[in-house]
PDB file of N, CA and C in Angstrom:
ATOM      1  N   MET A   1     167.215 214.446 107.921  1.00  0.00           N
ATOM      2  CA  MET A   1     166.553 213.633 106.806  1.00  0.00           C
ATOM      3  C   MET A   1     166.101 213.929 105.847  1.00  0.00           C
ATOM      4  N   ASP A   2     166.417 214.009 104.453  1.00  0.00           N
ATOM      5  CA  ASP A   2     165.561 214.636 103.305  1.00  0.00           C
ATOM      6  C   ASP A   2     164.087 213.863 103.122  1.00  0.00           C
ATOM      7  N   GLY A   3     164.226 212.624 103.484  1.00  0.00           N
ATOM      8  CA  GLY A   3     162.877 211.802 103.389  1.00  0.00           C
ATOM      9  C   GLY A   3     162.755 210.181 103.639  1.00  0.00           C
ATOM     10  N   LEU A   4     161.725 209.675 103.643  1.00  0.00           N
ATOM     11  CA  LEU A   4     161.635 208.263 103.846  1.00  0.00           C
ATOM     12  C   LEU A   4     161.413 207.413 103.086  1.00  0.00           C
ATOM     13  N   LEU A   5     161.603 206.541 102.198  1.00  0.00           N
ATOM     14  CA  LEU A   5     161.053 205.808 101.159  1.00  0.00           C
ATOM     15  C   LEU A   5     161.160 204.646 101.648  1.00  0.00           C
ATOM     16  N   LEU A   6     159.295 204.165 101.674  1.00  0.00           N
ATOM     17  CA  LEU A   6     159.618 202.856 102.039  1.00  0.00           C
ATOM     18  C   LEU A   6     157.943 202.219 101.140  1.00  0.00           C
ATOM     19  N   PRO A   7     158.052 200.840 101.077  1.00  0.00           N
ATOM     20  CA  PRO A   7     157.140 200.310 100.531  1.00  0.00           C
ATOM     21  C   PRO A   7     156.195 200.003 101.452  1.00  0.00           C
ATOM     22  N   VAL A   8     154.482 200.242 101.192  1.00  0.00           N
ATOM     23  CA  VAL A   8     153.560 200.325 102.114  1.00  0.00           C
ATOM     24  C   VAL A   8     152.164 200.014 101.623  1.00  0.00           C
ATOM     25  N   ILE A   9     151.371 199.542 102.184  1.00  0.00           N
ATOM     26  CA  ILE A   9     150.218 199.068 101.491  1.00  0.00           C
ATOM     27  C   ILE A   9     148.910 199.709 101.993  1.00  0.00           C
ATOM     28  N   VAL A  10     148.400 200.298 101.447  1.00  0.00           N
ATOM     29  CA  VAL A  10     147.279 201.054 101.702  1.00  0.00           C
ATOM     30  C   VAL A  10     146.264 200.500 102.427  1.00  0.00           C
ATOM     31  N   THR A  11     145.977 200.043 103.636  1.00  0.00           N
ATOM     32  CA  THR A  11     145.035 199.470 103.923  1.00  0.00           C
ATOM     33  C   THR A  11     143.377 199.932 104.698  1.00  0.00           C
ATOM     34  N   GLN A  12     143.296 200.909 104.963  1.00  0.00           N
ATOM     35  CA  GLN A  12     142.196 201.744 105.064  1.00  0.00           C
ATOM     36  C   GLN A  12     142.316 203.294 104.827  1.00  0.00           C
ATOM     37  N   ILE A  13     141.159 203.854 104.193  1.00  0.00           N
ATOM     38  CA  ILE A  13     140.987 205.177 103.518  1.00  0.00           C
ATOM     39  C   ILE A  13     139.407 205.428 103.625  1.00  0.00           C
ATOM     40  N   ARG A  14     139.130 206.330 104.918  1.00  0.00           N
ATOM     41  CA  ARG A  14     138.217 206.987 105.711  1.00  0.00           C
ATOM     42  C   ARG A  14     137.973 208.317 105.168  1.00  0.00           C
ATOM     43  N   SER A  15     136.783 208.943 105.238  1.00  0.00           N
ATOM     44  CA  SER A  15     136.476 210.277 104.962  1.00  0.00           C
ATOM     45  C   SER A  15     135.845 210.888 106.595  1.00  0.00           C
ATOM     46  N   LYS A  16     136.299 211.574 106.583  1.00  0.00           N
ATOM     47  CA  LYS A  16     136.130 212.388 108.192  1.00  0.00           C
ATOM     48  C   LYS A  16     134.747 213.396 108.199  1.00  0.00           C
ATOM     49  N   VAL A  17     134.689 213.726 109.372  1.00  0.00           N
ATOM     50  CA  VAL A  17     132.852 214.652 109.280  1.00  0.00           C
ATOM     51  C   VAL A  17     133.725 216.084 108.778  1.00  0.00           C
ATOM     52  N   ASP A  18     135.001 215.808 109.135  1.00  0.00           N
ATOM     53  CA  ASP A  18     135.171 217.890 109.037  1.00  0.00           C
ATOM     54  C   ASP A  18     136.019 217.911 107.334  1.00  0.00           C
ATOM     55  N   GLY A  19     135.736 216.735 106.487  1.00  0.00           N
ATOM     56  CA  GLY A  19     136.314 217.028 105.351  1.00  0.00           C
ATOM     57  C   GLY A  19     137.205 216.235 104.854  1.00  0.00           C
ATOM     58  N   SER A  20     138.627 216.163 106.012  1.00  0.00           N
ATOM     59  CA  SER A  20     139.793 215.386 105.767  1.00  0.00           C
ATOM     60  C   SER A  20     139.349 213.897 105.427  1.00  0.00           C
ATOM     61  N   ILE A  21     140.618 213.350 104.852  1.00  0.00           N
ATOM     62  CA  ILE A  21     140.714 211.959 104.706  1.00  0.00           C
ATOM     63  C   ILE A  21     141.676 211.109 105.626  1.00  0.00           C
ATOM     64  N   SER A  22     141.416 210.134 106.220  1.00  0.00           N
ATOM     65  CA  SER A  22     142.150 209.672 107.248  1.00  0.00           C
ATOM     66  C   SER A  22     142.848 208.141 106.157  1.00  0.00           C
ATOM     67  N   VAL A  23     144.116 208.120 105.753  1.00  0.00           N
ATOM     68  CA  VAL A  23     144.477 207.121 105.175  1.00  0.00           C
ATOM     69  C   VAL A  23     145.372 206.073 106.141  1.00  0.00           C
ATOM     70  N   ALA A  24     145.088 204.731 106.214  1.00  0.00           N
ATOM     71  CA  ALA A  24     145.775 204.273 107.083  1.00  0.00           C
ATOM     72  C   ALA A  24     146.907 203.491 106.399  1.00  0.00           C
ATOM     73  N   ILE A  25     148.558 203.000 106.719  1.00  0.00           N
ATOM     74  CA  ILE A  25     149.046 202.447 105.843  1.00  0.00           C
ATOM     75  C   ILE A  25     150.037 201.479 106.641  1.00  0.00           C
ATOM     76  N   GLU A  26     150.841 200.463 105.855  1.00  0.00           N
ATOM     77  CA  GLU A  26     151.155 199.298 106.833  1.00  0.00           C
ATOM     78  C   GLU A  26     152.510 199.220 105.810  1.00  0.00           C
ATOM     79  N   THR A  27     153.797 199.140 106.846  1.00  0.00           N
ATOM     80  CA  THR A  27     155.053 198.611 106.286  1.00  0.00           C
ATOM     81  C   THR A  27     155.031 197.436 106.374  1.00  0.00           C
ATOM     82  N   GLN A  28     156.194 196.794 105.501  1.00  0.00           N
ATOM     83  CA  GLN A  28     156.540 195.333 105.797  1.00  0.00           C
ATOM     84  C   GLN A  28     157.881 195.570 107.115  1.00  0.00           C
ATOM     85  N   GLU A  29     158.370 194.511 107.761  1.00  0.00           N
ATOM     86  CA  GLU A  29     158.970 194.652 108.685  1.00  0.00           C
ATOM     87  C   GLU A  29     159.821 195.792 108.310  1.00  0.00           C
ATOM     88  N   LEU A  30     160.373 196.719 109.462  1.00  0.00           N
ATOM     89  CA  LEU A  30     161.467 197.805 109.197  1.00  0.00           C
ATOM     90  C   LEU A  30     162.705 197.344 109.820  1.00  0.00           C
ATOM     91  N   SER A  31     163.587 197.850 109.471  1.00  0.00           N
ATOM     92  CA  SER A  31     164.823 197.670 110.396  1.00  0.00           C
ATOM     93  C   SER A  31     164.839 198.674 111.223  1.00  0.00           C
ATOM     94  N   PRO A  32     165.568 198.397 112.671  1.00  0.00           N
ATOM     95  CA  PRO A  32     165.241 199.540 113.498  1.00  0.00           C
ATOM     96  C   PRO A  32     165.818 200.860 113.434  1.00  0.00           C
ATOM     97  N   SER A  33     166.738 201.356 112.524  1.00  0.00           N
ATOM     98  CA  SER A  33     167.099 202.736 112.090  1.00  0.00           C
ATOM     99  C   SER A  33     166.150 202.912 111.258  1.00  0.00           C
ATOM    100  N   LYS A  34     165.259 202.015 110.004  1.00  0.00           N
ATOM    101  CA  LYS A  34     163.925 202.819 109.272  1.00  0.00           C
ATOM    102  C   LYS A  34     162.714 203.110 110.423  1.00  0.00           C
ATOM    103  N   ALA A  35     162.504 202.290 111.207  1.00  0.00           N
ATOM    104  CA  ALA A  35     161.533 202.351 112.071  1.00  0.00           C
ATOM    105  C   ALA A  35     162.005 203.783 113.239  1.00  0.00           C
ATOM    106  N   GLY A  36     163.038 204.018 113.555  1.00  0.00           N
ATOM    107  CA  GLY A  36     163.343 205.203 114.062  1.00  0.00           C
ATOM    108  C   GLY A  36     163.148 206.208 113.397  1.00  0.00           C
ATOM    109  N   GLU A  37     163.518 206.075 112.014  1.00  0.00           N
ATOM    110  CA  GLU A  37     163.416 207.235 110.944  1.00  0.00           C
ATOM    111  C   GLU A  37     161.768 207.753 110.903  1.00  0.00           C
ATOM    112  N   LEU A  38     160.866 206.555 111.015  1.00  0.00           N
ATOM    113  CA  LEU A  38     159.709 206.628 110.698  1.00  0.00           C
ATOM    114  C   LEU A  38     158.748 207.180 112.171  1.00  0.00           C
ATOM    115  N   PHE A  39     159.145 206.646 113.222  1.00  0.00           N
ATOM    116  CA  PHE A  39     158.669 207.241 114.482  1.00  0.00           C
ATOM    117  C   PHE A  39     159.260 209.007 114.718  1.00  0.00           C
ATOM    118  N   SER A  40     160.300 208.953 114.051  1.00  0.00           N
ATOM    119  CA  SER A  40     160.467 210.492 114.165  1.00  0.00           C
ATOM    120  C   SER A  40     159.799 211.584 113.443  1.00  0.00           C
ATOM    121  N   LEU A  41     158.924 210.797 112.449  1.00  0.00           N
ATOM    122  CA  LEU A  41     157.833 211.901 111.925  1.00  0.00           C
ATOM    123  C   LEU A  41     156.738 212.070 112.727  1.00  0.00           C
ATOM    124  N   ARG A  42     156.482 211.440 113.868  1.00  0.00           N
ATOM    125  CA  ARG A  42     154.845 211.186 114.246  1.00  0.00           C
ATOM    126  C   ARG A  42     155.027 212.714 114.840  1.00  0.00           C
ATOM    127  N   GLY A  43     153.675 213.100 114.332  1.00  0.00           N
ATOM    128  CA  GLY A  43     152.960 214.743 114.743  1.00  0.00           C
ATOM    129  C   GLY A  43     153.618 215.861 113.703  1.00  0.00           C
ATOM    130  N   LYS A  44     154.448 215.452 112.844  1.00  0.00           N
ATOM    131  CA  LYS A  44     155.120 216.341 112.053  1.00  0.00           C
ATOM    132  C   LYS A  44     153.983 216.269 110.684  1.00  0.00           C
ATOM    133  N   VAL A  45     154.103 217.437 110.264  1.00  0.00           N
ATOM    134  CA  VAL A  45     153.711 217.638 108.491  1.00  0.00           C
ATOM    135  C   VAL A  45     154.602 216.992 107.746  1.00  0.00           C
ATOM    136  N   ALA A  46     154.179 216.482 107.012  1.00  0.00           N
ATOM    137  CA  ALA A  46     155.119 215.794 106.180  1.00  0.00           C
ATOM    138  C   ALA A  46     154.366 215.482 104.665  1.00  0.00           C
ATOM    139  N   MET A  47     155.205 215.250 103.807  1.00  0.00           N
ATOM    140  CA  MET A  47     154.572 215.224 102.424  1.00  0.00           C
ATOM    141  C   MET A  47     154.700 213.838 101.680  1.00  0.00           C
ATOM    142  N   MET A  48     152.940 213.194 101.062  1.00  0.00           N
ATOM    143  CA  MET A  48     153.273 211.788 101.075  1.00  0.00           C
ATOM    144  C   MET A  48     153.006 211.758  99.413  1.00  0.00           C
ATOM    145  N   TYR A  49     153.871 210.891  98.737  1.00  0.00           N
ATOM    146  CA  TYR A  49     153.469 210.561  97.223  1.00  0.00           C
ATOM    147  C   TYR A  49     153.579 208.976  97.398  1.00  0.00           C
ATOM    148  N   LEU A  50     152.044 209.143  96.614  1.00  0.00           N
ATOM    149  CA  LEU A  50     151.749 207.329  96.787  1.00  0.00           C
ATOM    150  C   LEU A  50     152.292 207.040  95.069  1.00  0.00           C
ATOM    151  N   SER A  51     152.450 206.040  94.907  1.00  0.00           N
ATOM    152  CA  SER A  51     152.732 205.391  93.438  1.00  0.00           C
ATOM    153  C   SER A  51     152.469 203.852  93.326  1.00  0.00           C
ATOM    154  N   PRO A  52     151.646 203.516  92.288  1.00  0.00           N
ATOM    155  CA  PRO A  52     151.331 202.002  92.456  1.00  0.00           C
ATOM    156  C   PRO A  52     152.453 201.248  91.567  1.00  0.00           C
ATOM    157  N   LYS A  53     153.741 201.776  91.257  1.00  0.00           N
ATOM    158  CA  LYS A  53     155.036 201.552  90.806  1.00  0.00           C
ATOM    159  C   LYS A  53     155.633 200.618  91.827  1.00  0.00           C
ATOM    160  N   ASP A  54     156.696 199.688  91.649  1.00  0.00           N
ATOM    161  CA  ASP A  54     157.654 199.188  92.283  1.00  0.00           C
ATOM    162  C   ASP A  54     158.352 200.067  92.315  1.00  0.00           C
ATOM    163  N   VAL A  55     158.737 200.935  91.537  1.00  0.00           N
ATOM    164  CA  VAL A  55     160.170 201.682  91.536  1.00  0.00           C
ATOM    165  C   VAL A  55     159.721 203.118  91.698  1.00  0.00           C
ATOM    166  N   VAL A  56     160.183 203.918  92.501  1.00  0.00           N
ATOM    167  CA  VAL A  56     160.247 205.282  92.812  1.00  0.00           C
ATOM    168  C   VAL A  56     161.588 206.220  91.792  1.00  0.00           C
ATOM    169  N   THR A  57     161.527 206.724  91.279  1.00  0.00           N
ATOM    170  CA  THR A  57     162.522 207.260  90.326  1.00  0.00           C
ATOM    171  C   THR A  57     163.303 208.514  91.229  1.00  0.00           C
ATOM    172  N   GLN A  58     164.498 209.013  91.183  1.00  0.00           N
ATOM    173  CA  GLN A  58     165.097 209.928  91.981  1.00  0.00           C
ATOM    174  C   GLN A  58     164.594 211.187  91.808  1.00  0.00           C
ATOM    175  N   LYS A  59     163.870 211.412  90.346  1.00  0.00           N
ATOM    176  CA  LYS A  59     163.389 212.465  89.924  1.00  0.00           C
ATOM    177  C   LYS A  59     162.337 212.877  90.854  1.00  0.00           C
ATOM    178  N   GLU A  60     161.199 211.880  91.053  1.00  0.00           N
ATOM    179  CA  GLU A  60     160.344 211.936  91.543  1.00  0.00           C
ATOM    180  C   GLU A  60     160.434 212.209  93.546  1.00  0.00           C
ATOM    181  N   MET A  61     161.539 211.270  93.657  1.00  0.00           N
ATOM    182  CA  MET A  61     161.894 211.493  95.146  1.00  0.00           C
ATOM    183  C   MET A  61     162.234 213.253  95.287  1.00  0.00           C
ATOM    184  N   ASP A  62     163.138 213.494  94.235  1.00  0.00           N
ATOM    185  CA  ASP A  62     163.394 215.443  94.442  1.00  0.00           C
ATOM    186  C   ASP A  62     162.379 216.206  94.256  1.00  0.00           C
ATOM    187  N   GLN A  63     161.337 215.724  93.553  1.00  0.00           N
ATOM    188  CA  GLN A  63     160.096 216.288  93.325  1.00  0.00           C
ATOM    189  C   GLN A  63     159.367 216.515  94.664  1.00  0.00           C
ATOM    190  N   VAL A  64     159.119 215.673  95.380  1.00  0.00           N
ATOM    191  CA  VAL A  64     158.630 215.546  96.693  1.00  0.00           C
ATOM    192  C   VAL A  64     159.873 216.344  97.667  1.00  0.00           C
ATOM    193  N   ASN A  65     160.688 215.709  97.503  1.00  0.00           N
ATOM    194  CA  ASN A  65     161.401 216.816  98.338  1.00  0.00           C
ATOM    195  C   ASN A  65     161.757 218.089  98.547  1.00  0.00           C
ATOM    196  N   SER A  66     161.350 218.682  97.098  1.00  0.00           N
ATOM    197  CA  SER A  66     161.276 220.002  97.113  1.00  0.00           C
ATOM    198  C   SER A  66     159.817 220.964  97.519  1.00  0.00           C
ATOM    199  N   ILE A  67     158.982 220.019  97.863  1.00  0.00           N
ATOM    200  CA  ILE A  67     157.882 220.550  98.331  1.00  0.00           C
ATOM    201  C   ILE A  67     157.867 221.437  99.656  1.00  0.00           C
ATOM    202  N   ASN A  68     157.758 222.535  99.625  1.00  0.00           N
ATOM    203  CA  ASN A  68     157.524 223.739 100.591  1.00  0.00           C
ATOM    204  C   ASN A  68     156.387 223.707 101.229  1.00  0.00           C
ATOM    205  N   THR A  69     156.419 223.260 102.634  1.00  0.00           N
ATOM    206  CA  THR A  69     154.724 223.717 102.887  1.00  0.00           C
ATOM    207  C   THR A  69     154.708 224.525 104.409  1.00  0.00           C
ATOM    208  N   ASP A  70     153.951 225.288 104.580  1.00  0.00           N
ATOM    209  CA  ASP A  70     153.898 226.373 105.577  1.00  0.00           C
ATOM    210  C   ASP A  70     153.066 225.447 106.640  1.00  0.00           C
ATOM    211  N   MET A  71     152.292 224.682 106.438  1.00  0.00           N
ATOM    212  CA  MET A  71     150.868 224.238 106.947  1.00  0.00           C
ATOM    213  C   MET A  71     151.675 223.622 108.537  1.00  0.00           C
ATOM    214  N   PRO A  72     151.026 224.169 109.605  1.00  0.00           N
ATOM    215  CA  PRO A  72     151.364 224.132 111.024  1.00  0.00           C
ATOM    216  C   PRO A  72     151.153 222.461 111.196  1.00  0.00           C
ATOM    217  N   ALA A  73     152.024 222.013 111.996  1.00  0.00           N
ATOM    218  CA  ALA A  73     151.508 220.349 112.724  1.00  0.00           C
ATOM    219  C   ALA A  73     150.204 220.637 113.336  1.00  0.00           C
ATOM    220  N   GLY A  74     149.025 219.784 113.311  1.00  0.00           N
ATOM    221  CA  GLY A  74     148.040 219.849 113.758  1.00  0.00           C
ATOM    222  C   GLY A  74     147.113 220.432 112.859  1.00  0.00           C
ATOM    223  N   LYS A  75     146.104 220.638 113.334  1.00  0.00           N
ATOM    224  CA  LYS A  75     144.656 221.420 112.799  1.00  0.00           C
ATOM    225  C   LYS A  75     144.603 222.848 112.813  1.00  0.00           C
ATOM    226  N   THR A  76     144.129 223.625 111.803  1.00  0.00           N
ATOM    227  CA  THR A  76     144.139 224.920 112.024  1.00  0.00           C
ATOM    228  C   THR A  76     143.336 225.395 113.455  1.00  0.00           C
ATOM    229  N   PRO A  77     143.387 226.709 113.544  1.00  0.00           N
ATOM    230  CA  PRO A  77     142.348 227.380 114.396  1.00  0.00           C
ATOM    231  C   PRO A  77     141.009 226.894 114.213  1.00  0.00           C
ATOM    232  N   SER A  78     140.818 227.736 112.807  1.00  0.00           N
ATOM    233  CA  SER A  78     139.485 227.157 111.918  1.00  0.00           C
ATOM    234  C   SER A  78     138.986 226.028 112.181  1.00  0.00           C
ATOM    235  N   LYS A  79     139.695 225.217 111.821  1.00  0.00           N
ATOM    236  CA  LYS A  79     139.360 223.562 111.922  1.00  0.00           C
ATOM    237  C   LYS A  79     139.256 222.973 112.928  1.00  0.00           C
ATOM    238  N   ARG A  80     140.287 223.292 114.272  1.00  0.00           N
ATOM    239  CA  ARG A  80     139.448 222.925 115.720  1.00  0.00           C
ATOM    240  C   ARG A  80     138.084 223.473 116.043  1.00  0.00           C
ATOM    241  N   MET A  81     137.667 224.903 115.483  1.00  0.00           N
ATOM    242  CA  MET A  81     136.311 225.606 116.143  1.00  0.00           C
ATOM    243  C   MET A  81     135.706 224.957 115.306  1.00  0.00           C
ATOM    244  N   TYR A  82     135.532 224.403 114.276  1.00  0.00           N
ATOM    245  CA  TYR A  82     134.437 223.503 113.583  1.00  0.00           C
ATOM    246  C   TYR A  82     134.264 222.615 113.891  1.00  0.00           C
ATOM    247  N   ASN A  83     135.508 221.714 114.746  1.00  0.00           N
ATOM    248  CA  ASN A  83     135.262 220.487 115.137  1.00  0.00           C
ATOM    249  C   ASN A  83     134.400 220.341 116.110  1.00  0.00           C
ATOM    250  N   VAL A  84     134.568 221.517 117.173  1.00  0.00           N
ATOM    251  CA  VAL A  84     134.278 221.586 118.387  1.00  0.00           C
ATOM    252  C   VAL A  84     132.827 222.059 118.133  1.00  0.00           C
ATOM    253  N   LEU A  85     132.231 222.876 117.567  1.00  0.00           N
ATOM    254  CA  LEU A  85     130.964 222.988 117.311  1.00  0.00           C
ATOM    255  C   LEU A  85     130.167 221.955 116.981  1.00  0.00           C
ATOM    256  N   PHE A  86     130.981 220.870 115.939  1.00  0.00           N
ATOM    257  CA  PHE A  86     130.174 219.424 115.587  1.00  0.00           C
ATOM    258  C   PHE A  86     130.064 218.863 117.073  1.00  0.00           C
ATOM    259  N   ILE A  87     130.642 218.815 117.879  1.00  0.00           N
ATOM    260  CA  ILE A  87     130.746 217.990 118.867  1.00  0.00           C
ATOM    261  C   ILE A  87     129.699 218.335 119.826  1.00  0.00           C
ATOM    262  N   LEU A  88     129.613 219.854 120.014  1.00  0.00           N
ATOM    263  CA  LEU A  88     128.975 220.740 120.795  1.00  0.00           C
ATOM    264  C   LEU A  88     126.982 220.320 120.278  1.00  0.00           C
ATOM    265  N   TRP A  89     126.946 220.492 118.538  1.00  0.00           N
ATOM    266  CA  TRP A  89     125.797 220.164 118.251  1.00  0.00           C
ATOM    267  C   TRP A  89     125.325 218.431 117.811  1.00  0.00           C
ATOM    268  N   LYS A  90     126.304 217.859 118.169  1.00  0.00           N
ATOM    269  CA  LYS A  90     125.756 216.678 118.065  1.00  0.00           C
ATOM    270  C   LYS A  90     125.107 216.171 119.792  1.00  0.00           C
ATOM    271  N   GLN A  91     126.068 216.758 120.709  1.00  0.00           N
ATOM    272  CA  GLN A  91     125.444 216.467 122.456  1.00  0.00           C
ATOM    273  C   GLN A  91     123.761 217.542 122.397  1.00  0.00           C
ATOM    274  N   ASP A  92     123.829 218.667 121.667  1.00  0.00           N
ATOM    275  CA  ASP A  92     122.572 219.562 121.911  1.00  0.00           C
ATOM    276  C   ASP A  92     122.832 220.034 120.860  1.00  0.00           C
ATOM    277  N   ASN A  93     121.972 219.585 119.622  1.00  0.00           N
ATOM    278  CA  ASN A  93     121.481 220.542 118.415  1.00  0.00           C
ATOM    279  C   ASN A  93     120.437 221.604 118.686  1.00  0.00           C
ATOM    280  N   GLU A  94     120.110 222.054 119.827  1.00  0.00           N
ATOM    281  CA  GLU A  94     119.310 223.420 119.878  1.00  0.00           C
ATOM    282  C   GLU A  94     118.440 223.575 118.668  1.00  0.00           C
ATOM    283  N   GLY A  95     117.901 222.109 118.112  1.00  0.00           N
ATOM    284  CA  GLY A  95     116.675 222.341 117.441  1.00  0.00           C
ATOM    285  C   GLY A  95     117.000 222.481 115.541  1.00  0.00           C
ATOM    286  N   TYR A  96     118.411 222.579 115.756  1.00  0.00           N
ATOM    287  CA  TYR A  96     118.825 222.172 114.160  1.00  0.00           C
ATOM    288  C   TYR A  96     119.160 220.835 113.954  1.00  0.00           C
ATOM    289  N   LYS A  97     118.395 220.429 112.787  1.00  0.00           N
ATOM    290  CA  LYS A  97     118.720 219.342 112.556  1.00  0.00           C
ATOM    291  C   LYS A  97     119.687 219.055 111.258  1.00  0.00           C
ATOM    292  N   ASP A  98     120.002 220.099 110.992  1.00  0.00           N
ATOM    293  CA  ASP A  98     121.385 220.418 109.782  1.00  0.00           C
ATOM    294  C   ASP A  98     122.738 221.326 110.511  1.00  0.00           C
ATOM    295  N   PHE A  99     123.869 220.365 110.475  1.00  0.00           N
ATOM    296  CA  PHE A  99     125.106 220.911 111.450  1.00  0.00           C
ATOM    297  C   PHE A  99     124.873 221.883 110.662  1.00  0.00           C
ATOM    298  N   ASN A 100     125.067 222.438 109.083  1.00  0.00           N
ATOM    299  CA  ASN A 100     125.699 223.556 108.391  1.00  0.00           C
ATOM    300  C   ASN A 100     125.002 224.772 109.238  1.00  0.00           C
ATOM    301  N   LEU A 101     123.462 224.112 109.404  1.00  0.00           N
ATOM    302  CA  LEU A 101     122.601 225.903 109.859  1.00  0.00           C
ATOM    303  C   LEU A 101     123.128 225.791 111.158  1.00  0.00           C
ATOM    304  N   TYR A 102     123.189 225.399 112.025  1.00  0.00           N
ATOM    305  CA  TYR A 102     123.816 224.876 113.432  1.00  0.00           C
ATOM    306  C   TYR A 102     125.234 226.362 113.249  1.00  0.00           C
ATOM    307  N   TYR A 103     126.215 225.666 112.623  1.00  0.00           N
ATOM    308  CA  TYR A 103     127.236 226.323 112.595  1.00  0.00           C
ATOM    309  C   TYR A 103     127.123 227.521 112.031  1.00  0.00           C
ATOM    310  N   ILE A 104     126.732 227.520 110.867  1.00  0.00           N
ATOM    311  CA  ILE A 104     126.585 229.263 110.309  1.00  0.00           C
ATOM    312  C   ILE A 104     125.862 230.374 111.660  1.00  0.00           C
ATOM    313  N   SER A 105     124.895 229.653 112.277  1.00  0.00           N
ATOM    314  CA  SER A 105     124.107 230.456 113.238  1.00  0.00           C
ATOM    315  C   SER A 105     125.332 230.864 114.408  1.00  0.00           C
ATOM    316  N   LYS A 106     126.162 229.683 114.837  1.00  0.00           N
ATOM    317  CA  LYS A 106     126.815 230.132 115.817  1.00  0.00           C
ATOM    318  C   LYS A 106     128.177 230.954 115.329  1.00  0.00           C
ATOM    319  N   MET A 107     128.814 231.043 114.164  1.00  0.00           N
ATOM    320  CA  MET A 107     129.865 231.466 113.851  1.00  0.00           C
ATOM    321  C   MET A 107     129.071 232.805 113.584  1.00  0.00           C
ATOM    322  N   GLU A 108     127.977 233.129 113.511  1.00  0.00           N
ATOM    323  CA  GLU A 108     127.320 234.683 113.230  1.00  0.00           C
ATOM    324  C   GLU A 108     127.347 235.272 114.312  1.00  0.00           C
ATOM    325  N   LYS A 109     127.062 234.112 115.652  1.00  0.00           N
ATOM    326  CA  LYS A 109     126.968 234.862 116.674  1.00  0.00           C
ATOM    327  C   LYS A 109     128.516 235.389 117.424  1.00  0.00           C
ATOM    328  N   TYR A 110     129.309 234.654 117.393  1.00  0.00           N
ATOM    329  CA  TYR A 110     130.825 235.031 117.755  1.00  0.00           C
ATOM    330  C   TYR A 110     131.079 236.128 116.778  1.00  0.00           C
ATOM    331  N   ILE A 111     130.886 236.256 115.451  1.00  0.00           N
ATOM    332  CA  ILE A 111     131.434 237.403 114.745  1.00  0.00           C
ATOM    333  C   ILE A 111     130.530 238.247 115.414  1.00  0.00           C
ATOM    334  N   ASN A 112     129.633 238.781 115.134  1.00  0.00           N
ATOM    335  CA  ASN A 112     128.637 239.833 115.798  1.00  0.00           C
ATOM    336  C   ASN A 112     129.557 240.179 117.589  1.00  0.00           C
ATOM    337  N   SER A 113     129.924 239.211 118.095  1.00  0.00           N
ATOM    338  CA  SER A 113     130.254 239.598 119.722  1.00  0.00           C
ATOM    339  C   SER A 113     131.426 240.137 119.197  1.00  0.00           C
ATOM    340  N   LEU A 114     132.333 239.575 118.418  1.00  0.00           N
ATOM    341  CA  LEU A 114     133.583 240.549 117.770  1.00  0.00           C
ATOM    342  C   LEU A 114     133.785 241.671 117.741  1.00  0.00           C
ATOM    343  N   LYS A 115     132.589 241.921 116.428  1.00  0.00           N
ATOM    344  CA  LYS A 115     132.293 243.267 115.668  1.00  0.00           C
ATOM    345  C   LYS A 115     131.513 244.241 116.874  1.00  0.00           C
ATOM    346  N   GLU A 116     131.346 243.688 117.950  1.00  0.00           N
ATOM    347  CA  GLU A 116     130.950 244.782 119.052  1.00  0.00           C
ATOM    348  C   GLU A 116     132.380 245.433 119.762  1.00  0.00           C
ATOM    349  N   ASN A 117     133.170 244.829 119.720  1.00  0.00           N
ATOM    350  CA  ASN A 117     134.880 245.603 120.381  1.00  0.00           C
ATOM    351  C   ASN A 117     135.223 245.831 119.368  1.00  0.00           C
ATOM    352  N   ILE A 118     135.176 246.534 118.019  1.00  0.00           N
ATOM    353  CA  ILE A 118     135.556 247.374 117.073  1.00  0.00           C
ATOM    354  C   ILE A 118     135.704 248.830 117.642  1.00  0.00           C
ATOM    355  N   LYS A 119     136.539 249.254 117.335  1.00  0.00           N
ATOM    356  CA  LYS A 119     136.077 251.198 117.740  1.00  0.00           C
ATOM    357  C   LYS A 119     135.722 251.791 116.569  1.00  0.00           C
ATOM    358  N   ASP A 120     135.152 252.695 116.148  1.00  0.00           N
ATOM    359  CA  ASP A 120     134.668 253.291 115.122  1.00  0.00           C
ATOM    360  C   ASP A 120     136.010 254.334 114.823  1.00  0.00           C
TER     361      ASP A 120
END
C-alpha cells in the first residue's frame, strides 16, 4: 500500500505535556476495504498531509509517498524516560515546584551513576 487518501475533518487538537500534539480526525463512512486499509495503519509510523482543498494533486501525493522516515513506531527511549519522570514528579515532586528542575536533577543523578561505570 503506497498511501491512503481520505477526506477527513480535524475534530480536536491538543498539546500534550511532553510537547507533542495530538490530532483527532474523523472520516466519512468508509467502505470495508478502505476501513481495512486504515486499520492496517494502526500503531505504524505514517506521514500525514493536510490540505484545506477539496482535491489533492498526484504531485502532492507523490511528495508525501516519497518521504522516508527512520522514526520508530512509538516513543523514543528518551521521550519515555521524560514521561515516566513526569509521572513520578506528579506523584511526589520531592519539593520541586517546577518539573524542569526535577527532570534536570534526576537526569544528572542518572548520568553521574552511569559515568561511575566508565573505565579510565
